[in-house]
Amino acid sequence: MKKTILVVDDELDVVTYLCMLFEDNGYETLRATNGIEAFEMAKSYRPNLITLDMTMPEQSGVRTLRDLKSDPDLARIPVIIVTGIGESMNSFIQKIPRFPRPEGFIAKPIQQEPLLGMVAHLLE
């Protein structure tokens, strides 16, 4: 059975790119364009992994990550932050006390091999 990845980003080009990349590498994909939609889809479909942008309208990735990791049914789903903010976002998250840590971090522009390697490792 194929593993499912929920791709969350408000940039439709990024969503399309990541979904094609994951599907070409044997994964099923789901799409969400904001944090509220992502949380609802995670509750309904229980993906095996989530890629999450940090800066989105309606609900930020920071809030969405907090909601996901606070929910006992979703907390174990690995989350990879995919953001154009770069390493400064990773440093920012590390400094927030009691903030849930994502299982991975990838900066945009996305490099395929490191992302696919991280996904494969987290879905072992």
N, C-alpha and C. Protein backbone atom coordinates (compact mmCIF):
# COMPACT_ATOMS: atom_id res chain seq x y z
N MET A 1 0.84 -1.19 0.00
CA MET A 1 0.00 0.00 0.00
C MET A 1 0.88 1.25 0.00
N LYS A 2 0.55 2.19 -0.88
CA LYS A 2 1.33 3.42 -1.00
C LYS A 2 1.15 4.30 0.23
N LYS A 3 2.22 4.99 0.60
CA LYS A 3 2.17 5.98 1.67
C LYS A 3 1.60 7.28 1.10
N THR A 4 0.87 8.02 1.95
CA THR A 4 0.21 9.25 1.52
C THR A 4 0.88 10.46 2.17
N ILE A 5 1.13 11.47 1.35
CA ILE A 5 1.74 12.72 1.81
C ILE A 5 0.76 13.85 1.57
N LEU A 6 0.48 14.62 2.62
CA LEU A 6 -0.35 15.83 2.51
C LEU A 6 0.59 17.00 2.26
N VAL A 7 0.43 17.65 1.11
CA VAL A 7 1.25 18.79 0.71
C VAL A 7 0.46 20.06 1.01
N VAL A 8 1.05 20.93 1.86
CA VAL A 8 0.35 22.14 2.29
C VAL A 8 1.18 23.36 1.91
N ASP A 9 0.64 24.18 1.00
CA ASP A 9 1.32 25.40 0.58
C ASP A 9 0.29 26.28 -0.13
N ASP A 10 0.38 27.58 0.06
CA ASP A 10 -0.57 28.48 -0.61
C ASP A 10 -0.15 28.80 -2.04
N GLU A 11 1.06 28.43 -2.43
CA GLU A 11 1.52 28.63 -3.81
C GLU A 11 1.18 27.39 -4.61
N LEU A 12 0.24 27.52 -5.55
CA LEU A 12 -0.22 26.36 -6.31
C LEU A 12 0.89 25.72 -7.13
N ASP A 13 1.86 26.51 -7.61
CA ASP A 13 2.99 25.94 -8.35
C ASP A 13 3.81 25.01 -7.46
N VAL A 14 3.99 25.38 -6.21
CA VAL A 14 4.75 24.55 -5.27
C VAL A 14 3.98 23.27 -4.98
N VAL A 15 2.68 23.39 -4.75
CA VAL A 15 1.85 22.21 -4.49
C VAL A 15 1.92 21.25 -5.67
N THR A 16 1.76 21.77 -6.87
CA THR A 16 1.81 20.93 -8.07
C THR A 16 3.17 20.26 -8.21
N TYR A 17 4.23 21.02 -8.02
CA TYR A 17 5.59 20.48 -8.13
C TYR A 17 5.82 19.36 -7.12
N LEU A 18 5.48 19.61 -5.86
CA LEU A 18 5.72 18.59 -4.82
C LEU A 18 4.85 17.35 -5.05
N CYS A 19 3.62 17.55 -5.43
CA CYS A 19 2.74 16.40 -5.68
C CYS A 19 3.28 15.55 -6.84
N MET A 20 3.73 16.20 -7.90
CA MET A 20 4.31 15.46 -9.03
C MET A 20 5.58 14.72 -8.60
N LEU A 21 6.43 15.39 -7.83
CA LEU A 21 7.66 14.78 -7.35
C LEU A 21 7.36 13.54 -6.50
N PHE A 22 6.43 13.68 -5.57
CA PHE A 22 6.11 12.55 -4.70
C PHE A 22 5.41 11.43 -5.47
N GLU A 23 4.49 11.77 -6.34
CA GLU A 23 3.79 10.75 -7.12
C GLU A 23 4.75 10.01 -8.05
N ASP A 24 5.70 10.73 -8.64
CA ASP A 24 6.70 10.10 -9.50
C ASP A 24 7.61 9.15 -8.72
N ASN A 25 7.64 9.31 -7.41
CA ASN A 25 8.47 8.47 -6.56
C ASN A 25 7.66 7.48 -5.73
N GLY A 26 6.41 7.23 -6.17
CA GLY A 26 5.63 6.15 -5.60
C GLY A 26 4.72 6.48 -4.43
N TYR A 27 4.52 7.76 -4.15
CA TYR A 27 3.65 8.16 -3.05
C TYR A 27 2.30 8.65 -3.58
N GLU A 28 1.28 8.52 -2.76
CA GLU A 28 -0.02 9.15 -3.01
C GLU A 28 0.06 10.55 -2.42
N THR A 29 -0.72 11.50 -2.94
CA THR A 29 -0.68 12.85 -2.39
C THR A 29 -2.08 13.40 -2.15
N LEU A 30 -2.13 14.30 -1.19
CA LEU A 30 -3.31 15.12 -0.89
C LEU A 30 -2.82 16.55 -0.94
N ARG A 31 -3.74 17.49 -1.20
CA ARG A 31 -3.36 18.90 -1.33
C ARG A 31 -4.19 19.78 -0.40
N ALA A 32 -3.52 20.78 0.18
CA ALA A 32 -4.21 21.81 0.95
C ALA A 32 -3.49 23.12 0.71
N THR A 33 -4.25 24.22 0.68
CA THR A 33 -3.65 25.52 0.39
C THR A 33 -3.62 26.46 1.58
N ASN A 34 -4.07 26.00 2.74
CA ASN A 34 -3.95 26.80 3.96
C ASN A 34 -3.99 25.88 5.17
N GLY A 35 -3.66 26.42 6.33
CA GLY A 35 -3.55 25.62 7.53
C GLY A 35 -4.86 25.03 8.01
N ILE A 36 -5.95 25.76 7.85
CA ILE A 36 -7.25 25.25 8.29
C ILE A 36 -7.65 24.03 7.47
N GLU A 37 -7.51 24.15 6.17
CA GLU A 37 -7.81 23.03 5.27
C GLU A 37 -6.88 21.85 5.56
N ALA A 38 -5.61 22.14 5.83
CA ALA A 38 -4.64 21.07 6.12
C ALA A 38 -5.03 20.29 7.36
N PHE A 39 -5.42 20.99 8.42
CA PHE A 39 -5.80 20.31 9.66
C PHE A 39 -7.02 19.43 9.43
N GLU A 40 -8.01 19.95 8.72
CA GLU A 40 -9.22 19.17 8.44
C GLU A 40 -8.90 17.93 7.60
N MET A 41 -8.02 18.08 6.61
CA MET A 41 -7.65 16.94 5.77
C MET A 41 -6.85 15.91 6.57
N ALA A 42 -5.97 16.39 7.44
CA ALA A 42 -5.20 15.47 8.28
C ALA A 42 -6.14 14.66 9.17
N LYS A 43 -7.14 15.32 9.73
CA LYS A 43 -8.13 14.62 10.59
C LYS A 43 -8.91 13.59 9.78
N SER A 44 -9.30 13.93 8.57
CA SER A 44 -10.13 13.06 7.75
C SER A 44 -9.37 11.91 7.11
N TYR A 45 -8.16 12.18 6.61
CA TYR A 45 -7.45 11.20 5.80
C TYR A 45 -6.25 10.53 6.49
N ARG A 46 -5.77 11.10 7.58
CA ARG A 46 -4.62 10.55 8.31
C ARG A 46 -3.45 10.22 7.39
N PRO A 47 -2.85 11.23 6.76
CA PRO A 47 -1.70 10.96 5.87
C PRO A 47 -0.53 10.40 6.67
N ASN A 48 0.40 9.80 5.96
CA ASN A 48 1.58 9.25 6.61
C ASN A 48 2.64 10.31 6.90
N LEU A 49 2.55 11.45 6.17
CA LEU A 49 3.52 12.53 6.34
C LEU A 49 2.89 13.81 5.81
N ILE A 50 3.34 14.95 6.34
CA ILE A 50 2.83 16.25 5.91
C ILE A 50 4.01 17.15 5.58
N THR A 51 3.97 17.82 4.41
CA THR A 51 4.90 18.91 4.14
C THR A 51 4.12 20.19 4.37
N LEU A 52 4.73 21.13 5.07
CA LEU A 52 3.98 22.30 5.55
C LEU A 52 4.75 23.58 5.32
N ASP A 53 4.15 24.50 4.56
CA ASP A 53 4.71 25.84 4.38
C ASP A 53 4.42 26.64 5.66
N MET A 54 5.24 27.63 5.94
CA MET A 54 5.05 28.41 7.17
C MET A 54 4.23 29.66 6.95
N THR A 55 4.35 30.31 5.81
CA THR A 55 3.64 31.57 5.61
C THR A 55 2.48 31.35 4.64
N MET A 56 1.28 31.30 5.20
CA MET A 56 0.08 31.07 4.41
C MET A 56 -1.04 31.96 4.94
N PRO A 57 -2.02 32.26 4.08
CA PRO A 57 -3.17 33.04 4.53
C PRO A 57 -4.09 32.19 5.40
N GLU A 58 -4.97 32.83 6.10
CA GLU A 58 -5.99 32.22 6.95
C GLU A 58 -5.43 31.60 8.22
N GLN A 59 -4.41 30.76 8.10
CA GLN A 59 -3.78 30.20 9.29
C GLN A 59 -2.34 29.84 8.93
N SER A 60 -1.41 30.35 9.71
CA SER A 60 0.00 30.13 9.41
C SER A 60 0.41 28.67 9.64
N GLY A 61 1.53 28.33 9.06
CA GLY A 61 2.08 27.00 9.29
C GLY A 61 2.49 26.80 10.74
N VAL A 62 2.92 27.88 11.39
CA VAL A 62 3.30 27.78 12.81
C VAL A 62 2.09 27.33 13.63
N ARG A 63 0.97 27.98 13.42
CA ARG A 63 -0.25 27.62 14.15
C ARG A 63 -0.72 26.20 13.77
N THR A 64 -0.62 25.87 12.50
CA THR A 64 -1.03 24.55 12.03
C THR A 64 -0.16 23.46 12.65
N LEU A 65 1.14 23.69 12.69
CA LEU A 65 2.05 22.72 13.32
C LEU A 65 1.69 22.52 14.78
N ARG A 66 1.43 23.61 15.46
CA ARG A 66 1.03 23.53 16.88
C ARG A 66 -0.26 22.73 17.02
N ASP A 67 -1.24 22.99 16.16
CA ASP A 67 -2.51 22.25 16.23
C ASP A 67 -2.32 20.77 15.94
N LEU A 68 -1.52 20.46 14.92
CA LEU A 68 -1.28 19.05 14.58
C LEU A 68 -0.61 18.30 15.72
N LYS A 69 0.42 18.89 16.29
CA LYS A 69 1.19 18.21 17.33
C LYS A 69 0.47 18.20 18.68
N SER A 70 -0.57 19.02 18.82
CA SER A 70 -1.37 19.03 20.06
C SER A 70 -2.52 18.03 20.01
N ASP A 71 -2.84 17.54 18.84
CA ASP A 71 -3.95 16.61 18.69
C ASP A 71 -3.44 15.18 18.86
N PRO A 72 -3.96 14.44 19.84
CA PRO A 72 -3.44 13.09 20.10
C PRO A 72 -3.58 12.14 18.90
N ASP A 73 -4.54 12.36 18.04
CA ASP A 73 -4.72 11.50 16.87
C ASP A 73 -3.75 11.84 15.73
N LEU A 74 -3.18 13.04 15.74
CA LEU A 74 -2.34 13.49 14.64
C LEU A 74 -0.89 13.73 15.04
N ALA A 75 -0.61 13.75 16.31
CA ALA A 75 0.72 14.14 16.80
C ALA A 75 1.86 13.29 16.26
N ARG A 76 1.59 12.05 15.93
CA ARG A 76 2.66 11.16 15.46
C ARG A 76 2.93 11.27 13.95
N ILE A 77 2.12 12.03 13.24
CA ILE A 77 2.37 12.20 11.80
C ILE A 77 3.60 13.10 11.63
N PRO A 78 4.63 12.61 10.93
CA PRO A 78 5.82 13.45 10.73
C PRO A 78 5.50 14.66 9.86
N VAL A 79 6.08 15.80 10.24
CA VAL A 79 5.88 17.04 9.51
C VAL A 79 7.24 17.56 9.05
N ILE A 80 7.33 17.88 7.76
CA ILE A 80 8.52 18.52 7.20
C ILE A 80 8.12 19.95 6.83
N ILE A 81 8.81 20.90 7.42
CA ILE A 81 8.59 22.31 7.09
C ILE A 81 9.29 22.58 5.75
N VAL A 82 8.53 23.13 4.80
CA VAL A 82 9.07 23.52 3.50
C VAL A 82 8.75 25.01 3.35
N THR A 83 9.79 25.86 3.44
CA THR A 83 9.51 27.28 3.47
C THR A 83 10.56 28.11 2.75
N GLY A 84 10.12 29.22 2.21
CA GLY A 84 11.02 30.16 1.55
C GLY A 84 11.71 31.09 2.53
N ILE A 85 11.33 31.02 3.79
CA ILE A 85 11.94 31.89 4.80
C ILE A 85 13.38 31.46 5.06
N GLY A 86 13.68 30.21 4.82
CA GLY A 86 15.05 29.71 4.95
C GLY A 86 15.41 29.32 6.37
N GLU A 87 16.70 29.23 6.62
CA GLU A 87 17.22 28.75 7.90
C GLU A 87 16.75 29.60 9.07
N SER A 88 16.42 30.88 8.83
CA SER A 88 15.99 31.73 9.93
C SER A 88 14.71 31.19 10.57
N MET A 89 13.84 30.54 9.78
CA MET A 89 12.63 29.94 10.35
C MET A 89 12.98 28.79 11.26
N ASN A 90 13.92 27.96 10.86
CA ASN A 90 14.36 26.84 11.69
C ASN A 90 14.92 27.37 13.01
N SER A 91 15.74 28.40 12.95
CA SER A 91 16.30 29.00 14.16
C SER A 91 15.20 29.59 15.03
N PHE A 92 14.24 30.25 14.41
CA PHE A 92 13.12 30.85 15.14
C PHE A 92 12.33 29.78 15.89
N ILE A 93 11.99 28.70 15.20
CA ILE A 93 11.21 27.63 15.82
C ILE A 93 11.98 27.01 16.99
N GLN A 94 13.28 26.84 16.84
CA GLN A 94 14.09 26.22 17.89
C GLN A 94 14.10 27.06 19.18
N LYS A 95 13.87 28.37 19.06
CA LYS A 95 13.94 29.26 20.22
C LYS A 95 12.62 29.41 20.97
N ILE A 96 11.52 28.94 20.39
CA ILE A 96 10.22 29.09 21.04
C ILE A 96 10.06 28.00 22.09
N PRO A 97 9.91 28.37 23.36
CA PRO A 97 9.76 27.34 24.39
C PRO A 97 8.48 26.52 24.20
N ARG A 98 8.60 25.25 24.42
CA ARG A 98 7.48 24.30 24.36
C ARG A 98 6.79 24.28 22.99
N PHE A 99 7.48 24.75 21.97
CA PHE A 99 6.90 24.70 20.63
C PHE A 99 7.23 23.34 20.03
N PRO A 100 6.24 22.68 19.43
CA PRO A 100 6.52 21.35 18.86
C PRO A 100 7.53 21.43 17.73
N ARG A 101 8.43 20.51 17.72
CA ARG A 101 9.47 20.48 16.71
C ARG A 101 9.01 19.66 15.50
N PRO A 102 9.20 20.19 14.30
CA PRO A 102 8.91 19.38 13.11
C PRO A 102 9.98 18.30 12.99
N GLU A 103 9.65 17.24 12.27
CA GLU A 103 10.60 16.16 12.08
C GLU A 103 11.63 16.47 11.00
N GLY A 104 11.36 17.51 10.19
CA GLY A 104 12.31 17.89 9.16
C GLY A 104 12.11 19.32 8.73
N PHE A 105 13.11 19.83 8.02
CA PHE A 105 13.09 21.21 7.56
C PHE A 105 13.80 21.28 6.21
N ILE A 106 13.12 21.82 5.20
CA ILE A 106 13.70 22.00 3.87
C ILE A 106 13.42 23.45 3.43
N ALA A 107 14.46 24.14 2.99
CA ALA A 107 14.31 25.51 2.51
C ALA A 107 13.99 25.51 1.02
N LYS A 108 13.20 26.51 0.60
CA LYS A 108 12.97 26.75 -0.81
C LYS A 108 14.12 27.60 -1.32
N PRO A 109 14.59 27.45 -2.53
CA PRO A 109 14.10 26.51 -3.53
C PRO A 109 14.41 25.07 -3.12
N ILE A 110 13.48 24.21 -3.40
CA ILE A 110 13.53 22.83 -2.95
C ILE A 110 14.53 22.03 -3.78
N GLN A 111 15.38 21.32 -3.07
CA GLN A 111 16.30 20.39 -3.71
C GLN A 111 15.70 18.99 -3.57
N GLN A 112 15.46 18.35 -4.70
CA GLN A 112 14.73 17.08 -4.73
C GLN A 112 15.35 15.99 -3.88
N GLU A 113 16.63 15.72 -4.07
CA GLU A 113 17.25 14.56 -3.40
C GLU A 113 17.22 14.67 -1.88
N PRO A 114 17.60 15.81 -1.29
CA PRO A 114 17.50 15.89 0.17
C PRO A 114 16.07 15.72 0.68
N LEU A 115 15.09 16.29 -0.03
CA LEU A 115 13.70 16.15 0.39
C LEU A 115 13.24 14.70 0.29
N LEU A 116 13.50 14.05 -0.85
CA LEU A 116 13.09 12.66 -1.01
C LEU A 116 13.79 11.74 -0.01
N GLY A 117 15.06 12.02 0.28
CA GLY A 117 15.78 11.24 1.29
C GLY A 117 15.15 11.39 2.67
N MET A 118 14.78 12.61 3.03
CA MET A 118 14.16 12.86 4.32
C MET A 118 12.80 12.16 4.41
N VAL A 119 12.02 12.25 3.33
CA VAL A 119 10.70 11.60 3.29
C VAL A 119 10.87 10.09 3.45
N ALA A 120 11.77 9.49 2.69
CA ALA A 120 11.99 8.05 2.77
C ALA A 120 12.40 7.63 4.18
N HIS A 121 13.29 8.40 4.79
CA HIS A 121 13.75 8.10 6.15
C HIS A 121 12.58 8.17 7.16
N LEU A 122 11.78 9.20 7.06
CA LEU A 122 10.68 9.37 8.01
C LEU A 122 9.56 8.35 7.82
N LEU A 123 9.45 7.79 6.61
CA LEU A 123 8.38 6.82 6.34
C LEU A 123 8.85 5.37 6.43
N GLU A 124 10.07 5.14 6.90
CA GLU A 124 10.58 3.75 7.03
C GLU A 124 9.70 2.94 7.96
